[in-house]
Amino acid sequence: MGQKIKEEKLVYTTQEVAKILHSSPNYIYELINKGKLKAIKLKSFKICKSTLEEFLKENEGNDLSDIDNVRKIVEYENKGI
């Protein structure tokens, strides 16, 4: 009896990334269009797993609610917001 090997994904669609980040696909497109998240266009946008991991590491501790004005979360904590 053969053992099934789970294939690990190397690339994700924008919808998959949105689900992983608990966000909307539109927000993922905005991150891509503003150059915050690198992607590959293969008919539709694809994001490499390694790129997503790098994006998360680089932005840990940041507030990306306003992509044009990325700030450290600490700024809010110090102001009691």
PDB file of N, CA and C in Angstrom:
ATOM      1  N   MET A   1       0.839  -1.172   0.000  1.00  0.00           N
ATOM      2  CA  MET A   1       0.000   0.000   0.000  1.00  0.00           C
ATOM      3  C   MET A   1       0.886   1.238   0.000  1.00  0.00           C
ATOM      4  N   GLY A   2       0.670   2.103  -0.986  1.00  0.00           N
ATOM      5  CA  GLY A   2       1.474   3.306  -1.121  1.00  0.00           C
ATOM      6  C   GLY A   2       1.141   4.355  -0.069  1.00  0.00           C
ATOM      7  N   GLN A   3       2.164   5.065   0.321  1.00  0.00           N
ATOM      8  CA  GLN A   3       1.978   6.137   1.296  1.00  0.00           C
ATOM      9  C   GLN A   3       1.876   7.455   0.546  1.00  0.00           C
ATOM     10  N   LYS A   4       0.813   8.209   0.817  1.00  0.00           N
ATOM     11  CA  LYS A   4       0.645   9.490   0.152  1.00  0.00           C
ATOM     12  C   LYS A   4       1.553  10.529   0.794  1.00  0.00           C
ATOM     13  N   ILE A   5       2.252  11.260  -0.038  1.00  0.00           N
ATOM     14  CA  ILE A   5       3.117  12.336   0.433  1.00  0.00           C
ATOM     15  C   ILE A   5       2.391  13.652   0.165  1.00  0.00           C
ATOM     16  N   LYS A   6       2.245  14.435   1.214  1.00  0.00           N
ATOM     17  CA  LYS A   6       1.573  15.724   1.065  1.00  0.00           C
ATOM     18  C   LYS A   6       2.517  16.694   0.356  1.00  0.00           C
ATOM     19  N   GLU A   7       2.057  17.229  -0.753  1.00  0.00           N
ATOM     20  CA  GLU A   7       2.846  18.167  -1.523  1.00  0.00           C
ATOM     21  C   GLU A   7       2.747  19.549  -0.892  1.00  0.00           C
ATOM     22  N   GLU A   8       3.894  20.128  -0.589  1.00  0.00           N
ATOM     23  CA  GLU A   8       3.920  21.454   0.013  1.00  0.00           C
ATOM     24  C   GLU A   8       3.845  22.505  -1.083  1.00  0.00           C
ATOM     25  N   LYS A   9       2.992  23.498  -0.867  1.00  0.00           N
ATOM     26  CA  LYS A   9       2.838  24.559  -1.862  1.00  0.00           C
ATOM     27  C   LYS A   9       4.050  25.482  -1.873  1.00  0.00           C
ATOM     28  N   LEU A  10       4.486  25.839  -3.067  1.00  0.00           N
ATOM     29  CA  LEU A  10       5.580  26.795  -3.221  1.00  0.00           C
ATOM     30  C   LEU A  10       5.049  28.177  -3.566  1.00  0.00           C
ATOM     31  N   VAL A  11       3.862  28.232  -4.186  1.00  0.00           N
ATOM     32  CA  VAL A  11       3.251  29.512  -4.550  1.00  0.00           C
ATOM     33  C   VAL A  11       1.787  29.525  -4.133  1.00  0.00           C
ATOM     34  N   TYR A  12       1.311  30.731  -3.845  1.00  0.00           N
ATOM     35  CA  TYR A  12      -0.082  30.931  -3.443  1.00  0.00           C
ATOM     36  C   TYR A  12      -0.758  31.924  -4.371  1.00  0.00           C
ATOM     37  N   THR A  13      -2.055  31.798  -4.498  1.00  0.00           N
ATOM     38  CA  THR A  13      -2.853  32.801  -5.213  1.00  0.00           C
ATOM     39  C   THR A  13      -3.113  33.967  -4.255  1.00  0.00           C
ATOM     40  N   THR A  14      -3.596  35.064  -4.789  1.00  0.00           N
ATOM     41  CA  THR A  14      -3.922  36.213  -3.924  1.00  0.00           C
ATOM     42  C   THR A  14      -5.046  35.835  -2.959  1.00  0.00           C
ATOM     43  N   GLN A  15      -5.976  35.010  -3.403  1.00  0.00           N
ATOM     44  CA  GLN A  15      -7.064  34.579  -2.531  1.00  0.00           C
ATOM     45  C   GLN A  15      -6.531  33.732  -1.369  1.00  0.00           C
ATOM     46  N   GLU A  16      -5.577  32.860  -1.669  1.00  0.00           N
ATOM     47  CA  GLU A  16      -4.988  32.031  -0.610  1.00  0.00           C
ATOM     48  C   GLU A  16      -4.215  32.888   0.390  1.00  0.00           C
ATOM     49  N   VAL A  17      -3.469  33.857  -0.115  1.00  0.00           N
ATOM     50  CA  VAL A  17      -2.713  34.754   0.771  1.00  0.00           C
ATOM     51  C   VAL A  17      -3.678  35.563   1.634  1.00  0.00           C
ATOM     52  N   ALA A  18      -4.763  36.028   1.038  1.00  0.00           N
ATOM     53  CA  ALA A  18      -5.767  36.780   1.797  1.00  0.00           C
ATOM     54  C   ALA A  18      -6.314  35.924   2.937  1.00  0.00           C
ATOM     55  N   LYS A  19      -6.568  34.668   2.658  1.00  0.00           N
ATOM     56  CA  LYS A  19      -7.090  33.766   3.687  1.00  0.00           C
ATOM     57  C   LYS A  19      -6.042  33.536   4.775  1.00  0.00           C
ATOM     58  N   ILE A  20      -4.803  33.329   4.383  1.00  0.00           N
ATOM     59  CA  ILE A  20      -3.712  33.110   5.346  1.00  0.00           C
ATOM     60  C   ILE A  20      -3.555  34.325   6.256  1.00  0.00           C
ATOM     61  N   LEU A  21      -3.647  35.536   5.670  1.00  0.00           N
ATOM     62  CA  LEU A  21      -3.449  36.766   6.436  1.00  0.00           C
ATOM     63  C   LEU A  21      -4.740  37.307   7.047  1.00  0.00           C
ATOM     64  N   HIS A  22      -5.841  36.562   6.893  1.00  0.00           N
ATOM     65  CA  HIS A  22      -7.151  37.002   7.409  1.00  0.00           C
ATOM     66  C   HIS A  22      -7.467  38.410   6.904  1.00  0.00           C
ATOM     67  N   SER A  23      -7.337  38.565   5.612  1.00  0.00           N
ATOM     68  CA  SER A  23      -7.540  39.853   4.954  1.00  0.00           C
ATOM     69  C   SER A  23      -8.386  39.636   3.713  1.00  0.00           C
ATOM     70  N   SER A  24      -8.563  40.696   2.934  1.00  0.00           N
ATOM     71  CA  SER A  24      -9.332  40.573   1.692  1.00  0.00           C
ATOM     72  C   SER A  24      -8.388  40.477   0.493  1.00  0.00           C
ATOM     73  N   PRO A  25      -8.839  39.839  -0.577  1.00  0.00           N
ATOM     74  CA  PRO A  25      -8.023  39.810  -1.799  1.00  0.00           C
ATOM     75  C   PRO A  25      -7.699  41.217  -2.309  1.00  0.00           C
ATOM     76  N   ASN A  26      -8.638  42.154  -2.171  1.00  0.00           N
ATOM     77  CA  ASN A  26      -8.377  43.530  -2.615  1.00  0.00           C
ATOM     78  C   ASN A  26      -7.204  44.150  -1.873  1.00  0.00           C
ATOM     79  N   TYR A  27      -7.104  43.868  -0.576  1.00  0.00           N
ATOM     80  CA  TYR A  27      -5.984  44.386   0.217  1.00  0.00           C
ATOM     81  C   TYR A  27      -4.667  43.774  -0.260  1.00  0.00           C
ATOM     82  N   ILE A  28      -4.671  42.499  -0.619  1.00  0.00           N
ATOM     83  CA  ILE A  28      -3.473  41.831  -1.123  1.00  0.00           C
ATOM     84  C   ILE A  28      -3.057  42.463  -2.451  1.00  0.00           C
ATOM     85  N   TYR A  29      -4.037  42.725  -3.336  1.00  0.00           N
ATOM     86  CA  TYR A  29      -3.726  43.413  -4.598  1.00  0.00           C
ATOM     87  C   TYR A  29      -3.125  44.785  -4.334  1.00  0.00           C
ATOM     88  N   GLU A  30      -3.641  45.485  -3.341  1.00  0.00           N
ATOM     89  CA  GLU A  30      -3.114  46.813  -3.002  1.00  0.00           C
ATOM     90  C   GLU A  30      -1.668  46.702  -2.516  1.00  0.00           C
ATOM     91  N   LEU A  31      -1.384  45.717  -1.670  1.00  0.00           N
ATOM     92  CA  LEU A  31      -0.004  45.506  -1.215  1.00  0.00           C
ATOM     93  C   LEU A  31       0.923  45.239  -2.399  1.00  0.00           C
ATOM     94  N   ILE A  32       0.461  44.451  -3.354  1.00  0.00           N
ATOM     95  CA  ILE A  32       1.257  44.136  -4.542  1.00  0.00           C
ATOM     96  C   ILE A  32       1.452  45.391  -5.385  1.00  0.00           C
ATOM     97  N   ASN A  33       0.366  46.106  -5.665  1.00  0.00           N
ATOM     98  CA  ASN A  33       0.441  47.292  -6.521  1.00  0.00           C
ATOM     99  C   ASN A  33       1.294  48.406  -5.926  1.00  0.00           C
ATOM    100  N   LYS A  34       1.355  48.491  -4.599  1.00  0.00           N
ATOM    101  CA  LYS A  34       2.156  49.533  -3.934  1.00  0.00           C
ATOM    102  C   LYS A  34       3.587  49.061  -3.681  1.00  0.00           C
ATOM    103  N   GLY A  35       3.905  47.829  -4.111  1.00  0.00           N
ATOM    104  CA  GLY A  35       5.272  47.324  -3.989  1.00  0.00           C
ATOM    105  C   GLY A  35       5.642  46.808  -2.610  1.00  0.00           C
ATOM    106  N   LYS A  36       4.672  46.593  -1.752  1.00  0.00           N
ATOM    107  CA  LYS A  36       4.948  46.095  -0.398  1.00  0.00           C
ATOM    108  C   LYS A  36       5.070  44.575  -0.361  1.00  0.00           C
ATOM    109  N   LEU A  37       4.385  43.896  -1.286  1.00  0.00           N
ATOM    110  CA  LEU A  37       4.413  42.443  -1.365  1.00  0.00           C
ATOM    111  C   LEU A  37       4.774  42.054  -2.799  1.00  0.00           C
ATOM    112  N   LYS A  38       5.875  41.354  -2.944  1.00  0.00           N
ATOM    113  CA  LYS A  38       6.325  40.936  -4.272  1.00  0.00           C
ATOM    114  C   LYS A  38       5.457  39.793  -4.786  1.00  0.00           C
ATOM    115  N   ALA A  39       5.220  39.789  -6.089  1.00  0.00           N
ATOM    116  CA  ALA A  39       4.403  38.751  -6.718  1.00  0.00           C
ATOM    117  C   ALA A  39       4.949  38.435  -8.103  1.00  0.00           C
ATOM    118  N   ILE A  40       4.479  37.340  -8.632  1.00  0.00           N
ATOM    119  CA  ILE A  40       4.788  36.909  -9.999  1.00  0.00           C
ATOM    120  C   ILE A  40       3.465  36.888 -10.748  1.00  0.00           C
ATOM    121  N   LYS A  41       3.482  37.353 -11.993  1.00  0.00           N
ATOM    122  CA  LYS A  41       2.252  37.304 -12.790  1.00  0.00           C
ATOM    123  C   LYS A  41       2.346  36.139 -13.758  1.00  0.00           C
ATOM    124  N   LEU A  42       1.540  35.119 -13.507  1.00  0.00           N
ATOM    125  CA  LEU A  42       1.409  33.957 -14.388  1.00  0.00           C
ATOM    126  C   LEU A  42      -0.064  33.885 -14.768  1.00  0.00           C
ATOM    127  N   LYS A  43      -0.463  34.752 -15.662  1.00  0.00           N
ATOM    128  CA  LYS A  43      -1.863  35.022 -16.012  1.00  0.00           C
ATOM    129  C   LYS A  43      -2.563  35.736 -14.866  1.00  0.00           C
ATOM    130  N   SER A  44      -2.356  35.276 -13.643  1.00  0.00           N
ATOM    131  CA  SER A  44      -2.852  35.975 -12.457  1.00  0.00           C
ATOM    132  C   SER A  44      -1.692  36.042 -11.467  1.00  0.00           C
ATOM    133  N   PHE A  45      -1.827  36.899 -10.464  1.00  0.00           N
ATOM    134  CA  PHE A  45      -0.755  37.054  -9.491  1.00  0.00           C
ATOM    135  C   PHE A  45      -0.568  35.797  -8.650  1.00  0.00           C
ATOM    136  N   LYS A  46       0.680  35.460  -8.418  1.00  0.00           N
ATOM    137  CA  LYS A  46       1.072  34.379  -7.533  1.00  0.00           C
ATOM    138  C   LYS A  46       2.128  34.928  -6.585  1.00  0.00           C
ATOM    139  N   ILE A  47       2.093  34.458  -5.326  1.00  0.00           N
ATOM    140  CA  ILE A  47       3.052  34.893  -4.323  1.00  0.00           C
ATOM    141  C   ILE A  47       3.801  33.656  -3.839  1.00  0.00           C
ATOM    142  N   CYS A  48       5.119  33.716  -3.904  1.00  0.00           N
ATOM    143  CA  CYS A  48       5.947  32.604  -3.438  1.00  0.00           C
ATOM    144  C   CYS A  48       5.829  32.479  -1.926  1.00  0.00           C
ATOM    145  N   LYS A  49       5.843  31.257  -1.455  1.00  0.00           N
ATOM    146  CA  LYS A  49       5.776  30.991  -0.018  1.00  0.00           C
ATOM    147  C   LYS A  49       6.906  31.720   0.704  1.00  0.00           C
ATOM    148  N   SER A  50       8.114  31.656   0.151  1.00  0.00           N
ATOM    149  CA  SER A  50       9.271  32.307   0.776  1.00  0.00           C
ATOM    150  C   SER A  50       9.105  33.821   0.816  1.00  0.00           C
ATOM    151  N   THR A  51       8.480  34.392  -0.219  1.00  0.00           N
ATOM    152  CA  THR A  51       8.227  35.832  -0.253  1.00  0.00           C
ATOM    153  C   THR A  51       7.222  36.229   0.819  1.00  0.00           C
ATOM    154  N   LEU A  52       6.187  35.429   0.995  1.00  0.00           N
ATOM    155  CA  LEU A  52       5.192  35.710   2.027  1.00  0.00           C
ATOM    156  C   LEU A  52       5.824  35.636   3.414  1.00  0.00           C
ATOM    157  N   GLU A  53       6.653  34.624   3.644  1.00  0.00           N
ATOM    158  CA  GLU A  53       7.339  34.496   4.933  1.00  0.00           C
ATOM    159  C   GLU A  53       8.250  35.697   5.182  1.00  0.00           C
ATOM    160  N   GLU A  54       8.968  36.138   4.155  1.00  0.00           N
ATOM    161  CA  GLU A  54       9.856  37.302   4.263  1.00  0.00           C
ATOM    162  C   GLU A  54       9.051  38.567   4.551  1.00  0.00           C
ATOM    163  N   PHE A  55       7.932  38.737   3.864  1.00  0.00           N
ATOM    164  CA  PHE A  55       7.048  39.889   4.077  1.00  0.00           C
ATOM    165  C   PHE A  55       6.585  39.947   5.532  1.00  0.00           C
ATOM    166  N   LEU A  56       6.192  38.813   6.074  1.00  0.00           N
ATOM    167  CA  LEU A  56       5.722  38.769   7.459  1.00  0.00           C
ATOM    168  C   LEU A  56       6.840  39.101   8.437  1.00  0.00           C
ATOM    169  N   LYS A  57       8.030  38.571   8.210  1.00  0.00           N
ATOM    170  CA  LYS A  57       9.168  38.863   9.094  1.00  0.00           C
ATOM    171  C   LYS A  57       9.533  40.347   9.043  1.00  0.00           C
ATOM    172  N   GLU A  58       9.592  40.902   7.818  1.00  0.00           N
ATOM    173  CA  GLU A  58       9.974  42.305   7.650  1.00  0.00           C
ATOM    174  C   GLU A  58       8.956  43.262   8.256  1.00  0.00           C
ATOM    175  N   ASN A  59       7.702  42.866   8.273  1.00  0.00           N
ATOM    176  CA  ASN A  59       6.646  43.768   8.736  1.00  0.00           C
ATOM    177  C   ASN A  59       6.118  43.467  10.123  1.00  0.00           C
ATOM    178  N   GLU A  60       6.723  42.510  10.793  1.00  0.00           N
ATOM    179  CA  GLU A  60       6.298  42.208  12.159  1.00  0.00           C
ATOM    180  C   GLU A  60       6.492  43.448  13.028  1.00  0.00           C
ATOM    181  N   GLY A  61       5.457  43.829  13.739  1.00  0.00           N
ATOM    182  CA  GLY A  61       5.506  45.018  14.590  1.00  0.00           C
ATOM    183  C   GLY A  61       5.066  46.290  13.882  1.00  0.00           C
ATOM    184  N   ASN A  62       4.689  46.168  12.613  1.00  0.00           N
ATOM    185  CA  ASN A  62       4.233  47.321  11.837  1.00  0.00           C
ATOM    186  C   ASN A  62       2.724  47.350  11.711  1.00  0.00           C
ATOM    187  N   ASP A  63       2.190  48.541  11.568  1.00  0.00           N
ATOM    188  CA  ASP A  63       0.767  48.746  11.268  1.00  0.00           C
ATOM    189  C   ASP A  63       0.673  49.059   9.784  1.00  0.00           C
ATOM    190  N   LEU A  64       0.098  48.149   9.018  1.00  0.00           N
ATOM    191  CA  LEU A  64      -0.047  48.334   7.581  1.00  0.00           C
ATOM    192  C   LEU A  64      -1.483  48.685   7.204  1.00  0.00           C
ATOM    193  N   SER A  65      -2.242  49.216   8.162  1.00  0.00           N
ATOM    194  CA  SER A  65      -3.631  49.602   7.879  1.00  0.00           C
ATOM    195  C   SER A  65      -3.686  50.636   6.766  1.00  0.00           C
ATOM    196  N   ASP A  66      -2.736  51.582   6.793  1.00  0.00           N
ATOM    197  CA  ASP A  66      -2.595  52.592   5.740  1.00  0.00           C
ATOM    198  C   ASP A  66      -1.275  52.287   5.043  1.00  0.00           C
ATOM    199  N   ILE A  67      -1.347  51.640   3.909  1.00  0.00           N
ATOM    200  CA  ILE A  67      -0.148  51.168   3.214  1.00  0.00           C
ATOM    201  C   ILE A  67       0.797  52.313   2.846  1.00  0.00           C
ATOM    202  N   ASP A  68       0.243  53.507   2.627  1.00  0.00           N
ATOM    203  CA  ASP A  68       1.082  54.655   2.277  1.00  0.00           C
ATOM    204  C   ASP A  68       1.733  55.291   3.503  1.00  0.00           C
ATOM    205  N   ASN A  69       1.348  54.848   4.690  1.00  0.00           N
ATOM    206  CA  ASN A  69       1.871  55.423   5.924  1.00  0.00           C
ATOM    207  C   ASN A  69       2.093  54.301   6.944  1.00  0.00           C
ATOM    208  N   VAL A  70       3.036  53.418   6.633  1.00  0.00           N
ATOM    209  CA  VAL A  70       3.334  52.287   7.508  1.00  0.00           C
ATOM    210  C   VAL A  70       4.038  52.810   8.755  1.00  0.00           C
ATOM    211  N   ARG A  71       3.518  52.405   9.915  1.00  0.00           N
ATOM    212  CA  ARG A  71       4.105  52.857  11.183  1.00  0.00           C
ATOM    213  C   ARG A  71       4.308  51.669  12.107  1.00  0.00           C
ATOM    214  N   LYS A  72       5.165  51.880  13.079  1.00  0.00           N
ATOM    215  CA  LYS A  72       5.379  50.871  14.113  1.00  0.00           C
ATOM    216  C   LYS A  72       4.162  50.853  15.027  1.00  0.00           C
ATOM    217  N   ILE A  73       3.763  49.691  15.457  1.00  0.00           N
ATOM    218  CA  ILE A  73       2.620  49.560  16.352  1.00  0.00           C
ATOM    219  C   ILE A  73       2.904  50.247  17.676  1.00  0.00           C
ATOM    220  N   VAL A  74       4.155  50.316  18.089  1.00  0.00           N
ATOM    221  CA  VAL A  74       4.549  50.940  19.353  1.00  0.00           C
ATOM    222  C   VAL A  74       4.061  52.379  19.438  1.00  0.00           C
ATOM    223  N   GLU A  75       4.007  53.076  18.297  1.00  0.00           N
ATOM    224  CA  GLU A  75       3.542  54.470  18.294  1.00  0.00           C
ATOM    225  C   GLU A  75       2.147  54.573  18.894  1.00  0.00           C
ATOM    226  N   TYR A  76       1.283  53.627  18.575  1.00  0.00           N
ATOM    227  CA  TYR A  76      -0.073  53.640  19.096  1.00  0.00           C
ATOM    228  C   TYR A  76      -0.096  53.288  20.584  1.00  0.00           C
ATOM    229  N   GLU A  77       0.712  52.289  20.940  1.00  0.00           N
ATOM    230  CA  GLU A  77       0.744  51.839  22.324  1.00  0.00           C
ATOM    231  C   GLU A  77       1.196  52.962  23.256  1.00  0.00           C
ATOM    232  N   ASN A  78       2.173  53.758  22.812  1.00  0.00           N
ATOM    233  CA  ASN A  78       2.680  54.857  23.635  1.00  0.00           C
ATOM    234  C   ASN A  78       1.670  55.976  23.792  1.00  0.00           C
ATOM    235  N   LYS A  79       0.771  56.107  22.838  1.00  0.00           N
ATOM    236  CA  LYS A  79      -0.236  57.171  22.891  1.00  0.00           C
ATOM    237  C   LYS A  79      -1.514  56.700  23.568  1.00  0.00           C
ATOM    238  N   GLY A  80      -1.553  55.445  23.986  1.00  0.00           N
ATOM    239  CA  GLY A  80      -2.728  54.924  24.671  1.00  0.00           C
ATOM    240  C   GLY A  80      -3.920  54.703  23.768  1.00  0.00           C
ATOM    241  N   ILE A  81      -3.672  54.500  22.482  1.00  0.00           N
ATOM    242  CA  ILE A  81      -4.764  54.282  21.515  1.00  0.00           C
ATOM    243  C   ILE A  81      -5.135  52.817  21.517  1.00  0.00           C
TER     244      ILE A  81
END
